[in-house]
N, C-alpha and C. Protein backbone atom coordinates (compact mmCIF):
# COMPACT_ATOMS: atom_id res chain seq x y z
N MET A 1 -75.54 -21.88 -31.28
CA MET A 1 -75.38 -21.73 -29.84
C MET A 1 -75.56 -20.25 -29.48
N LYS A 2 -76.41 -19.99 -28.48
CA LYS A 2 -76.65 -18.61 -28.06
C LYS A 2 -75.55 -18.16 -27.10
N ILE A 3 -75.23 -16.87 -27.16
CA ILE A 3 -74.19 -16.34 -26.28
C ILE A 3 -74.74 -16.11 -24.88
N TYR A 4 -76.04 -15.92 -24.77
CA TYR A 4 -76.61 -15.70 -23.43
C TYR A 4 -77.25 -16.99 -22.93
N THR A 5 -77.11 -17.20 -21.62
CA THR A 5 -77.66 -18.42 -21.02
C THR A 5 -78.75 -18.11 -20.00
N ARG A 6 -78.83 -16.87 -19.56
CA ARG A 6 -79.75 -16.42 -18.52
C ARG A 6 -79.41 -16.98 -17.13
N SER A 7 -78.35 -17.79 -17.06
CA SER A 7 -78.01 -18.41 -15.78
C SER A 7 -77.41 -17.42 -14.79
N GLY A 8 -76.97 -16.26 -15.27
CA GLY A 8 -76.39 -15.26 -14.37
C GLY A 8 -77.35 -14.17 -13.96
N ASP A 9 -78.61 -14.31 -14.33
CA ASP A 9 -79.57 -13.23 -14.07
C ASP A 9 -79.87 -13.03 -12.59
N ARG A 10 -79.50 -13.96 -11.76
CA ARG A 10 -79.75 -13.84 -10.32
C ARG A 10 -78.47 -13.52 -9.54
N GLY A 11 -77.44 -13.04 -10.26
CA GLY A 11 -76.23 -12.57 -9.57
C GLY A 11 -75.20 -13.62 -9.27
N LYS A 12 -75.30 -14.76 -9.92
CA LYS A 12 -74.31 -15.82 -9.72
C LYS A 12 -73.62 -16.11 -11.05
N THR A 13 -72.39 -16.61 -10.95
CA THR A 13 -71.66 -17.00 -12.15
C THR A 13 -70.83 -18.24 -11.85
N GLY A 14 -70.48 -18.98 -12.89
CA GLY A 14 -69.73 -20.22 -12.72
C GLY A 14 -68.23 -19.98 -12.74
N ILE A 15 -67.51 -20.80 -11.97
CA ILE A 15 -66.05 -20.78 -12.00
C ILE A 15 -65.56 -22.17 -12.39
N HIS A 16 -64.27 -22.27 -12.65
CA HIS A 16 -63.69 -23.55 -13.06
C HIS A 16 -63.98 -24.60 -12.00
N GLY A 17 -64.49 -25.74 -12.42
CA GLY A 17 -64.85 -26.80 -11.50
C GLY A 17 -66.34 -26.92 -11.30
N GLY A 18 -67.10 -25.93 -11.82
CA GLY A 18 -68.55 -26.02 -11.79
C GLY A 18 -69.24 -25.28 -10.66
N GLN A 19 -68.47 -24.82 -9.68
CA GLN A 19 -69.07 -24.08 -8.56
C GLN A 19 -69.64 -22.76 -9.05
N ARG A 20 -70.73 -22.29 -8.42
CA ARG A 20 -71.31 -20.98 -8.73
C ARG A 20 -71.09 -20.06 -7.55
N VAL A 21 -70.65 -18.83 -7.86
CA VAL A 21 -70.36 -17.85 -6.82
C VAL A 21 -71.05 -16.54 -7.17
N ASP A 22 -71.12 -15.64 -6.19
CA ASP A 22 -71.68 -14.31 -6.44
C ASP A 22 -70.84 -13.57 -7.47
N LYS A 23 -71.50 -12.76 -8.28
CA LYS A 23 -70.78 -12.03 -9.32
C LYS A 23 -69.81 -10.99 -8.77
N ASP A 24 -70.01 -10.58 -7.51
CA ASP A 24 -69.06 -9.66 -6.91
C ASP A 24 -68.10 -10.37 -5.95
N ASN A 25 -68.01 -11.68 -6.05
CA ASN A 25 -67.03 -12.47 -5.30
C ASN A 25 -65.63 -11.97 -5.66
N ILE A 26 -64.70 -11.99 -4.71
CA ILE A 26 -63.37 -11.45 -4.96
C ILE A 26 -62.66 -12.19 -6.10
N ARG A 27 -62.97 -13.48 -6.29
CA ARG A 27 -62.36 -14.22 -7.40
C ARG A 27 -62.83 -13.63 -8.74
N ILE A 28 -64.10 -13.31 -8.80
CA ILE A 28 -64.66 -12.73 -10.04
C ILE A 28 -64.15 -11.30 -10.23
N GLU A 29 -64.06 -10.56 -9.13
CA GLU A 29 -63.55 -9.19 -9.20
C GLU A 29 -62.10 -9.17 -9.67
N ALA A 30 -61.28 -10.06 -9.13
CA ALA A 30 -59.86 -10.12 -9.53
C ALA A 30 -59.74 -10.48 -11.01
N ASN A 31 -60.53 -11.46 -11.44
CA ASN A 31 -60.46 -11.85 -12.84
C ASN A 31 -61.03 -10.76 -13.75
N GLY A 32 -62.02 -10.03 -13.28
CA GLY A 32 -62.55 -8.92 -14.05
C GLY A 32 -61.50 -7.84 -14.28
N CYS A 33 -60.70 -7.58 -13.26
CA CYS A 33 -59.60 -6.61 -13.42
C CYS A 33 -58.56 -7.10 -14.41
N MET A 34 -58.25 -8.39 -14.33
CA MET A 34 -57.28 -8.97 -15.28
C MET A 34 -57.83 -8.90 -16.72
N ASP A 35 -59.12 -9.15 -16.86
CA ASP A 35 -59.76 -9.08 -18.18
C ASP A 35 -59.71 -7.65 -18.72
N GLU A 36 -59.97 -6.68 -17.84
CA GLU A 36 -59.89 -5.28 -18.24
C GLU A 36 -58.48 -4.90 -18.66
N LEU A 37 -57.50 -5.38 -17.91
CA LEU A 37 -56.09 -5.14 -18.25
C LEU A 37 -55.77 -5.72 -19.62
N ASN A 38 -56.20 -6.94 -19.86
CA ASN A 38 -55.93 -7.60 -21.13
C ASN A 38 -56.58 -6.84 -22.29
N SER A 39 -57.80 -6.36 -22.06
CA SER A 39 -58.49 -5.59 -23.10
C SER A 39 -57.77 -4.28 -23.40
N MET A 40 -57.24 -3.64 -22.34
CA MET A 40 -56.51 -2.39 -22.56
C MET A 40 -55.23 -2.64 -23.34
N LEU A 41 -54.56 -3.77 -23.08
CA LEU A 41 -53.37 -4.10 -23.86
C LEU A 41 -53.73 -4.35 -25.32
N GLY A 42 -54.90 -4.94 -25.56
CA GLY A 42 -55.38 -5.09 -26.93
C GLY A 42 -55.61 -3.75 -27.59
N ALA A 43 -56.13 -2.79 -26.81
CA ALA A 43 -56.33 -1.44 -27.35
C ALA A 43 -54.99 -0.80 -27.71
N VAL A 44 -53.99 -0.98 -26.85
CA VAL A 44 -52.65 -0.44 -27.15
C VAL A 44 -52.14 -1.04 -28.45
N ARG A 45 -52.28 -2.36 -28.61
CA ARG A 45 -51.82 -3.00 -29.85
C ARG A 45 -52.51 -2.42 -31.07
N SER A 46 -53.79 -2.03 -30.92
CA SER A 46 -54.53 -1.51 -32.06
C SER A 46 -53.99 -0.17 -32.54
N PHE A 47 -53.27 0.55 -31.67
CA PHE A 47 -52.68 1.84 -32.05
C PHE A 47 -51.34 1.67 -32.75
N LEU A 48 -50.74 0.49 -32.63
CA LEU A 48 -49.38 0.28 -33.15
C LEU A 48 -49.40 -0.17 -34.60
N PRO A 49 -48.46 0.30 -35.41
CA PRO A 49 -48.32 -0.25 -36.76
C PRO A 49 -47.99 -1.74 -36.66
N GLU A 50 -48.40 -2.51 -37.64
CA GLU A 50 -48.23 -3.97 -37.60
C GLU A 50 -46.78 -4.39 -37.43
N GLU A 51 -45.85 -3.60 -37.94
CA GLU A 51 -44.44 -3.98 -37.88
C GLU A 51 -43.77 -3.56 -36.55
N HIS A 52 -44.52 -2.92 -35.66
CA HIS A 52 -43.94 -2.42 -34.41
C HIS A 52 -43.42 -3.57 -33.55
N GLU A 53 -42.26 -3.34 -32.93
CA GLU A 53 -41.61 -4.38 -32.12
C GLU A 53 -42.44 -4.84 -30.93
N TRP A 54 -43.39 -4.04 -30.49
CA TRP A 54 -44.17 -4.39 -29.30
C TRP A 54 -45.35 -5.31 -29.57
N HIS A 55 -45.70 -5.53 -30.84
CA HIS A 55 -46.83 -6.42 -31.14
C HIS A 55 -46.60 -7.81 -30.56
N GLU A 56 -45.45 -8.38 -30.83
CA GLU A 56 -45.14 -9.73 -30.35
C GLU A 56 -45.07 -9.76 -28.82
N LEU A 57 -44.45 -8.73 -28.23
CA LEU A 57 -44.34 -8.63 -26.78
C LEU A 57 -45.72 -8.61 -26.13
N LEU A 58 -46.60 -7.73 -26.62
CA LEU A 58 -47.93 -7.60 -26.03
C LEU A 58 -48.79 -8.84 -26.28
N PHE A 59 -48.61 -9.46 -27.44
CA PHE A 59 -49.34 -10.70 -27.72
C PHE A 59 -48.95 -11.78 -26.70
N LYS A 60 -47.66 -11.91 -26.42
CA LYS A 60 -47.18 -12.89 -25.45
C LYS A 60 -47.76 -12.59 -24.07
N ILE A 61 -47.75 -11.33 -23.68
CA ILE A 61 -48.28 -10.94 -22.37
C ILE A 61 -49.77 -11.20 -22.30
N GLN A 62 -50.51 -10.84 -23.34
CA GLN A 62 -51.96 -11.09 -23.35
C GLN A 62 -52.26 -12.58 -23.25
N SER A 63 -51.51 -13.38 -23.96
CA SER A 63 -51.72 -14.83 -23.92
C SER A 63 -51.45 -15.38 -22.53
N GLU A 64 -50.40 -14.88 -21.89
CA GLU A 64 -50.08 -15.33 -20.53
C GLU A 64 -51.16 -14.89 -19.54
N ILE A 65 -51.69 -13.69 -19.72
CA ILE A 65 -52.77 -13.23 -18.85
C ILE A 65 -53.98 -14.16 -18.96
N MET A 66 -54.29 -14.61 -20.17
CA MET A 66 -55.42 -15.53 -20.34
C MET A 66 -55.20 -16.81 -19.54
N ALA A 67 -53.99 -17.37 -19.60
CA ALA A 67 -53.69 -18.58 -18.83
C ALA A 67 -53.80 -18.30 -17.34
N MET A 68 -53.31 -17.15 -16.92
CA MET A 68 -53.38 -16.80 -15.50
C MET A 68 -54.81 -16.63 -15.04
N MET A 69 -55.64 -16.03 -15.88
CA MET A 69 -57.04 -15.85 -15.52
C MET A 69 -57.73 -17.19 -15.28
N SER A 70 -57.36 -18.20 -16.05
CA SER A 70 -57.96 -19.51 -15.85
C SER A 70 -57.57 -20.08 -14.48
N HIS A 71 -56.35 -19.77 -14.02
CA HIS A 71 -55.91 -20.23 -12.70
C HIS A 71 -56.56 -19.41 -11.59
N VAL A 72 -56.76 -18.12 -11.82
CA VAL A 72 -57.47 -17.30 -10.84
C VAL A 72 -58.90 -17.81 -10.68
N ALA A 73 -59.50 -18.25 -11.77
CA ALA A 73 -60.88 -18.75 -11.74
C ALA A 73 -61.00 -20.14 -11.13
N THR A 74 -59.88 -20.78 -10.84
CA THR A 74 -59.88 -22.16 -10.35
C THR A 74 -59.54 -22.20 -8.86
N PRO A 75 -60.42 -22.75 -8.02
CA PRO A 75 -60.08 -22.90 -6.60
C PRO A 75 -58.81 -23.73 -6.43
N SER A 76 -58.01 -23.40 -5.42
CA SER A 76 -56.70 -24.03 -5.25
C SER A 76 -56.79 -25.54 -5.11
N GLU A 77 -57.88 -26.05 -4.53
CA GLU A 77 -57.96 -27.49 -4.29
C GLU A 77 -58.10 -28.31 -5.58
N ILE A 78 -58.46 -27.66 -6.68
CA ILE A 78 -58.56 -28.38 -7.96
C ILE A 78 -57.67 -27.76 -9.04
N ARG A 79 -56.78 -26.86 -8.63
CA ARG A 79 -55.96 -26.15 -9.62
C ARG A 79 -55.02 -27.09 -10.38
N ASP A 80 -54.64 -28.20 -9.75
CA ASP A 80 -53.74 -29.13 -10.44
C ASP A 80 -54.40 -29.78 -11.65
N LYS A 81 -55.73 -29.65 -11.76
CA LYS A 81 -56.45 -30.20 -12.91
C LYS A 81 -56.59 -29.18 -14.04
N ASN A 82 -56.14 -27.95 -13.79
CA ASN A 82 -56.22 -26.90 -14.81
C ASN A 82 -55.22 -27.23 -15.92
N PRO A 83 -55.69 -27.36 -17.17
CA PRO A 83 -54.79 -27.74 -18.26
C PRO A 83 -53.88 -26.62 -18.76
N ASN A 84 -54.14 -25.38 -18.35
CA ASN A 84 -53.34 -24.24 -18.82
C ASN A 84 -52.08 -24.11 -17.97
N ARG A 85 -50.94 -24.21 -18.61
CA ARG A 85 -49.66 -24.12 -17.90
C ARG A 85 -49.19 -22.67 -17.83
N LEU A 86 -48.62 -22.33 -16.70
CA LEU A 86 -48.07 -20.98 -16.51
C LEU A 86 -46.58 -21.01 -16.84
N ASP A 87 -46.13 -19.97 -17.53
CA ASP A 87 -44.73 -19.84 -17.91
C ASP A 87 -43.94 -19.38 -16.69
N GLU A 88 -43.15 -20.27 -16.11
CA GLU A 88 -42.38 -19.95 -14.90
C GLU A 88 -41.28 -18.92 -15.17
N ASP A 89 -40.96 -18.66 -16.43
CA ASP A 89 -39.92 -17.69 -16.78
C ASP A 89 -40.49 -16.33 -17.17
N ILE A 90 -41.81 -16.15 -17.00
CA ILE A 90 -42.45 -14.93 -17.50
C ILE A 90 -41.96 -13.68 -16.74
N VAL A 91 -41.69 -13.79 -15.44
CA VAL A 91 -41.22 -12.63 -14.68
C VAL A 91 -39.84 -12.21 -15.18
N LEU A 92 -38.96 -13.16 -15.38
CA LEU A 92 -37.63 -12.85 -15.92
C LEU A 92 -37.75 -12.25 -17.32
N PHE A 93 -38.65 -12.77 -18.12
CA PHE A 93 -38.90 -12.22 -19.46
C PHE A 93 -39.29 -10.75 -19.37
N VAL A 94 -40.20 -10.42 -18.46
CA VAL A 94 -40.65 -9.04 -18.29
C VAL A 94 -39.51 -8.16 -17.78
N GLU A 95 -38.77 -8.66 -16.80
CA GLU A 95 -37.63 -7.89 -16.27
C GLU A 95 -36.61 -7.60 -17.36
N ASN A 96 -36.35 -8.57 -18.22
CA ASN A 96 -35.41 -8.35 -19.33
C ASN A 96 -35.90 -7.29 -20.29
N ARG A 97 -37.21 -7.25 -20.54
CA ARG A 97 -37.77 -6.22 -21.42
C ARG A 97 -37.62 -4.84 -20.76
N ILE A 98 -37.86 -4.77 -19.45
CA ILE A 98 -37.70 -3.49 -18.74
C ILE A 98 -36.26 -3.01 -18.86
N ASP A 99 -35.30 -3.90 -18.56
CA ASP A 99 -33.89 -3.53 -18.62
C ASP A 99 -33.47 -3.09 -20.02
N ASP A 100 -33.98 -3.78 -21.03
CA ASP A 100 -33.66 -3.43 -22.41
C ASP A 100 -34.15 -2.02 -22.75
N LEU A 101 -35.40 -1.72 -22.41
CA LEU A 101 -35.95 -0.40 -22.73
C LEU A 101 -35.25 0.70 -21.96
N LEU A 102 -35.00 0.47 -20.67
CA LEU A 102 -34.29 1.49 -19.88
C LEU A 102 -32.89 1.72 -20.42
N GLY A 103 -32.25 0.67 -20.89
CA GLY A 103 -30.90 0.80 -21.45
C GLY A 103 -30.86 1.59 -22.74
N ARG A 104 -31.99 1.67 -23.43
CA ARG A 104 -32.06 2.40 -24.70
C ARG A 104 -32.54 3.84 -24.52
N MET A 105 -32.98 4.17 -23.31
CA MET A 105 -33.48 5.52 -23.06
C MET A 105 -32.39 6.42 -22.52
N GLU A 106 -32.49 7.70 -22.84
CA GLU A 106 -31.57 8.69 -22.32
C GLU A 106 -32.34 9.61 -21.38
N GLY A 107 -31.61 10.28 -20.53
CA GLY A 107 -32.23 11.27 -19.65
C GLY A 107 -32.50 10.72 -18.27
N GLU A 108 -33.08 11.60 -17.44
CA GLU A 108 -33.35 11.27 -16.05
C GLU A 108 -34.44 10.19 -15.94
N GLN A 109 -34.28 9.35 -14.93
CA GLN A 109 -35.26 8.29 -14.70
C GLN A 109 -35.86 8.39 -13.30
N ASP A 110 -35.53 9.45 -12.55
CA ASP A 110 -35.89 9.48 -11.13
C ASP A 110 -36.94 10.53 -10.80
N PHE A 111 -38.00 10.59 -11.63
CA PHE A 111 -39.07 11.54 -11.35
C PHE A 111 -40.42 10.94 -11.72
N PHE A 112 -41.45 11.45 -11.05
CA PHE A 112 -42.81 11.09 -11.42
C PHE A 112 -43.18 11.86 -12.68
N VAL A 113 -43.95 11.22 -13.55
CA VAL A 113 -44.45 11.90 -14.75
C VAL A 113 -45.96 11.96 -14.70
N LEU A 114 -46.51 12.97 -15.34
CA LEU A 114 -47.95 13.05 -15.47
C LEU A 114 -48.37 12.15 -16.63
N PRO A 115 -49.28 11.20 -16.38
CA PRO A 115 -49.71 10.30 -17.46
C PRO A 115 -50.30 11.10 -18.62
N GLY A 116 -49.99 10.67 -19.81
CA GLY A 116 -50.50 11.35 -21.00
C GLY A 116 -49.54 11.14 -22.15
N GLY A 117 -49.44 12.16 -22.97
CA GLY A 117 -48.55 12.07 -24.12
C GLY A 117 -49.30 11.60 -25.35
N THR A 118 -48.72 10.64 -26.05
CA THR A 118 -49.35 10.11 -27.26
C THR A 118 -50.49 9.16 -26.87
N PRO A 119 -51.34 8.79 -27.83
CA PRO A 119 -52.36 7.77 -27.51
C PRO A 119 -51.76 6.48 -26.98
N VAL A 120 -50.62 6.06 -27.54
CA VAL A 120 -49.98 4.83 -27.06
C VAL A 120 -49.49 5.01 -25.63
N SER A 121 -48.78 6.10 -25.37
CA SER A 121 -48.25 6.36 -24.04
C SER A 121 -49.37 6.48 -23.01
N SER A 122 -50.41 7.23 -23.32
CA SER A 122 -51.49 7.43 -22.34
C SER A 122 -52.24 6.14 -22.06
N HIS A 123 -52.41 5.30 -23.07
CA HIS A 123 -53.10 4.02 -22.85
C HIS A 123 -52.20 3.02 -22.10
N LEU A 124 -50.90 3.12 -22.29
CA LEU A 124 -49.99 2.29 -21.49
C LEU A 124 -50.06 2.70 -20.02
N HIS A 125 -50.14 4.01 -19.77
CA HIS A 125 -50.30 4.48 -18.38
C HIS A 125 -51.62 3.95 -17.80
N LEU A 126 -52.68 3.99 -18.60
CA LEU A 126 -53.97 3.48 -18.12
C LEU A 126 -53.87 1.98 -17.84
N ALA A 127 -53.21 1.24 -18.72
CA ALA A 127 -53.01 -0.19 -18.50
C ALA A 127 -52.21 -0.43 -17.22
N ARG A 128 -51.23 0.43 -16.96
CA ARG A 128 -50.44 0.31 -15.73
C ARG A 128 -51.32 0.44 -14.50
N THR A 129 -52.25 1.39 -14.50
CA THR A 129 -53.12 1.57 -13.33
C THR A 129 -54.07 0.39 -13.17
N ILE A 130 -54.50 -0.19 -14.28
CA ILE A 130 -55.37 -1.38 -14.21
C ILE A 130 -54.57 -2.57 -13.68
N ALA A 131 -53.30 -2.65 -14.07
CA ALA A 131 -52.44 -3.72 -13.54
C ALA A 131 -52.29 -3.58 -12.03
N ARG A 132 -52.14 -2.36 -11.54
CA ARG A 132 -52.01 -2.13 -10.10
C ARG A 132 -53.31 -2.52 -9.38
N ARG A 133 -54.46 -2.18 -9.97
CA ARG A 133 -55.73 -2.58 -9.35
C ARG A 133 -55.88 -4.09 -9.37
N SER A 134 -55.48 -4.71 -10.47
CA SER A 134 -55.52 -6.17 -10.56
C SER A 134 -54.68 -6.79 -9.46
N GLU A 135 -53.51 -6.23 -9.24
CA GLU A 135 -52.62 -6.75 -8.20
C GLU A 135 -53.27 -6.64 -6.83
N ARG A 136 -53.92 -5.52 -6.55
CA ARG A 136 -54.59 -5.36 -5.24
C ARG A 136 -55.68 -6.41 -5.06
N ARG A 137 -56.48 -6.61 -6.10
CA ARG A 137 -57.57 -7.60 -6.00
C ARG A 137 -57.01 -9.02 -5.89
N LEU A 138 -55.93 -9.30 -6.59
CA LEU A 138 -55.32 -10.63 -6.53
C LEU A 138 -54.79 -10.92 -5.13
N TRP A 139 -54.21 -9.92 -4.48
CA TRP A 139 -53.72 -10.12 -3.12
C TRP A 139 -54.87 -10.35 -2.15
N THR A 140 -55.99 -9.68 -2.37
CA THR A 140 -57.17 -9.93 -1.52
C THR A 140 -57.62 -11.37 -1.68
N LEU A 141 -57.71 -11.84 -2.92
CA LEU A 141 -58.09 -13.23 -3.18
C LEU A 141 -57.07 -14.18 -2.58
N ASN A 142 -55.79 -13.85 -2.70
CA ASN A 142 -54.72 -14.71 -2.20
C ASN A 142 -54.85 -14.96 -0.70
N ARG A 143 -55.37 -13.97 0.04
CA ARG A 143 -55.58 -14.17 1.48
C ARG A 143 -56.68 -15.20 1.75
N GLU A 144 -57.64 -15.32 0.83
CA GLU A 144 -58.73 -16.28 0.98
C GLU A 144 -58.39 -17.65 0.40
N ASP A 145 -57.71 -17.66 -0.73
CA ASP A 145 -57.40 -18.90 -1.43
C ASP A 145 -56.09 -18.66 -2.19
N GLU A 146 -55.03 -19.29 -1.72
CA GLU A 146 -53.69 -18.99 -2.23
C GLU A 146 -53.58 -19.18 -3.74
N LEU A 147 -52.99 -18.18 -4.37
CA LEU A 147 -52.75 -18.20 -5.82
C LEU A 147 -51.32 -18.65 -6.10
N PRO A 148 -51.06 -19.12 -7.32
CA PRO A 148 -49.67 -19.38 -7.71
C PRO A 148 -48.86 -18.09 -7.59
N ALA A 149 -47.73 -18.16 -6.91
CA ALA A 149 -46.92 -16.96 -6.66
C ALA A 149 -46.49 -16.28 -7.95
N ILE A 150 -46.32 -17.04 -9.03
CA ILE A 150 -45.89 -16.47 -10.30
C ILE A 150 -46.87 -15.42 -10.81
N ILE A 151 -48.16 -15.62 -10.53
CA ILE A 151 -49.18 -14.65 -10.98
C ILE A 151 -48.99 -13.32 -10.26
N LEU A 152 -48.80 -13.36 -8.95
CA LEU A 152 -48.64 -12.13 -8.17
C LEU A 152 -47.37 -11.40 -8.57
N ARG A 153 -46.29 -12.13 -8.77
CA ARG A 153 -45.03 -11.48 -9.17
C ARG A 153 -45.14 -10.89 -10.57
N PHE A 154 -45.79 -11.63 -11.48
CA PHE A 154 -45.93 -11.17 -12.85
C PHE A 154 -46.70 -9.85 -12.94
N VAL A 155 -47.83 -9.78 -12.26
CA VAL A 155 -48.66 -8.57 -12.36
C VAL A 155 -47.93 -7.37 -11.75
N ASN A 156 -47.19 -7.61 -10.67
CA ASN A 156 -46.39 -6.54 -10.08
C ASN A 156 -45.36 -6.03 -11.09
N ARG A 157 -44.63 -6.94 -11.70
CA ARG A 157 -43.59 -6.55 -12.64
C ARG A 157 -44.18 -5.97 -13.92
N LEU A 158 -45.34 -6.46 -14.32
CA LEU A 158 -45.98 -5.96 -15.55
C LEU A 158 -46.30 -4.48 -15.43
N SER A 159 -46.76 -4.05 -14.26
CA SER A 159 -47.05 -2.62 -14.12
C SER A 159 -45.79 -1.79 -14.30
N ASP A 160 -44.66 -2.30 -13.84
CA ASP A 160 -43.38 -1.60 -14.07
C ASP A 160 -43.05 -1.54 -15.56
N LEU A 161 -43.24 -2.66 -16.23
CA LEU A 161 -42.97 -2.69 -17.68
C LEU A 161 -43.84 -1.69 -18.41
N LEU A 162 -45.11 -1.62 -18.08
CA LEU A 162 -46.03 -0.71 -18.77
C LEU A 162 -45.64 0.75 -18.54
N PHE A 163 -45.17 1.05 -17.34
CA PHE A 163 -44.68 2.41 -17.05
C PHE A 163 -43.48 2.74 -17.92
N VAL A 164 -42.54 1.81 -18.00
CA VAL A 164 -41.34 2.04 -18.81
C VAL A 164 -41.71 2.14 -20.29
N MET A 165 -42.64 1.30 -20.74
CA MET A 165 -43.07 1.37 -22.14
C MET A 165 -43.71 2.72 -22.45
N ALA A 166 -44.52 3.23 -21.52
CA ALA A 166 -45.15 4.55 -21.73
C ALA A 166 -44.09 5.62 -21.87
N ARG A 167 -43.06 5.54 -21.03
CA ARG A 167 -41.98 6.52 -21.10
C ARG A 167 -41.15 6.34 -22.36
N PHE A 168 -40.91 5.07 -22.75
CA PHE A 168 -40.12 4.81 -23.95
C PHE A 168 -40.85 5.30 -25.20
N GLU A 169 -42.15 5.19 -25.20
CA GLU A 169 -42.94 5.69 -26.33
C GLU A 169 -42.68 7.18 -26.52
N MET A 170 -42.69 7.94 -25.43
CA MET A 170 -42.43 9.38 -25.52
C MET A 170 -41.00 9.63 -25.99
N PHE A 171 -40.05 8.88 -25.44
CA PHE A 171 -38.65 9.02 -25.83
C PHE A 171 -38.46 8.73 -27.32
N SER A 172 -39.08 7.64 -27.79
CA SER A 172 -38.89 7.23 -29.19
C SER A 172 -39.53 8.21 -30.17
N GLN A 173 -40.55 8.95 -29.70
CA GLN A 173 -41.19 9.95 -30.55
C GLN A 173 -40.52 11.32 -30.39
N ASN A 174 -39.44 11.38 -29.58
CA ASN A 174 -38.72 12.62 -29.32
C ASN A 174 -39.62 13.68 -28.70
N LEU A 175 -40.50 13.23 -27.79
CA LEU A 175 -41.43 14.12 -27.10
C LEU A 175 -41.02 14.26 -25.65
N THR A 176 -41.29 15.42 -25.07
CA THR A 176 -40.94 15.69 -23.69
C THR A 176 -42.08 15.26 -22.77
N GLU A 177 -41.73 14.47 -21.76
CA GLU A 177 -42.72 14.08 -20.76
C GLU A 177 -42.99 15.25 -19.83
N GLU A 178 -44.19 15.29 -19.29
CA GLU A 178 -44.52 16.29 -18.29
C GLU A 178 -44.11 15.74 -16.93
N LYS A 179 -43.10 16.37 -16.34
CA LYS A 179 -42.59 15.91 -15.05
C LYS A 179 -43.43 16.52 -13.92
N TRP A 180 -43.58 15.74 -12.87
CA TRP A 180 -44.24 16.25 -11.68
C TRP A 180 -43.19 16.60 -10.64
N ARG A 181 -42.53 15.59 -10.05
CA ARG A 181 -41.45 15.85 -9.09
C ARG A 181 -40.55 14.64 -8.99
N LEU A 182 -39.40 14.86 -8.37
CA LEU A 182 -38.43 13.78 -8.19
C LEU A 182 -38.97 12.70 -7.26
N PHE A 183 -38.48 11.48 -7.43
CA PHE A 183 -38.78 10.40 -6.48
C PHE A 183 -38.00 10.71 -5.20
N SER A 184 -38.49 11.59 -4.36
CA SER A 184 -37.73 11.99 -3.17
C SER A 184 -37.49 10.81 -2.24
N TYR A 185 -38.45 9.91 -2.12
CA TYR A 185 -38.26 8.77 -1.23
C TYR A 185 -37.16 7.85 -1.76
N LYS A 186 -37.02 7.74 -3.08
CA LYS A 186 -35.95 6.92 -3.64
C LYS A 186 -34.61 7.64 -3.49
N SER A 187 -34.60 8.97 -3.64
CA SER A 187 -33.37 9.73 -3.50
C SER A 187 -32.84 9.63 -2.08
N SER A 188 -33.73 9.74 -1.07
CA SER A 188 -33.28 9.66 0.32
C SER A 188 -32.80 8.25 0.65
N TYR A 189 -33.45 7.23 0.07
CA TYR A 189 -33.01 5.86 0.28
C TYR A 189 -31.62 5.65 -0.33
N LYS A 190 -31.42 6.23 -1.50
CA LYS A 190 -30.11 6.10 -2.16
C LYS A 190 -29.03 6.78 -1.35
N ARG A 191 -29.33 7.98 -0.78
CA ARG A 191 -28.35 8.70 0.03
C ARG A 191 -27.98 7.89 1.27
N LYS A 192 -28.98 7.26 1.90
CA LYS A 192 -28.73 6.46 3.09
C LYS A 192 -27.80 5.28 2.79
N LYS A 193 -27.97 4.68 1.61
CA LYS A 193 -27.13 3.53 1.24
C LYS A 193 -25.69 3.96 1.01
N GLU A 194 -25.52 5.21 0.53
CA GLU A 194 -24.17 5.70 0.26
C GLU A 194 -23.54 6.09 1.57
């Protein structure tokens, strides 16, 4: 079986259900961002020793992204025929990982950092920005054809997890992050609540 079909040479591609759409259709763009995010997470895993605690975490996240991509590729009117099930507990799973990592870190948490540091940390920051772009494209698609809400919540929370993981990587290596400035908008919000 050949990997190329030549069927996309005129700027169209197939989606779940057999429909063909333009290659720059928002559904394709959103899924392309998700694919890029998944590939970046694979790159992060390649930097980690096999025994690292994050291998299993990232594998689970990558697997869930694949299932989500199949739903993004499926128009809502036939989505109930999609055989890939979405984990309804995935957002809580991600939030628990965030809370665990933050609980193990010491030091200030209320400042912007300059992305960088170790190869793992810098690639996690890059994955975070791809997650944010994915989220923007998914919301654009959602206005045209409603997506399962779990996908939108997951990608939002995933970018938070990747930020915390990038910071935890620096903490675990006993390296100093490059700070930019305090979250002034969060500080003023906190003062108002008090």
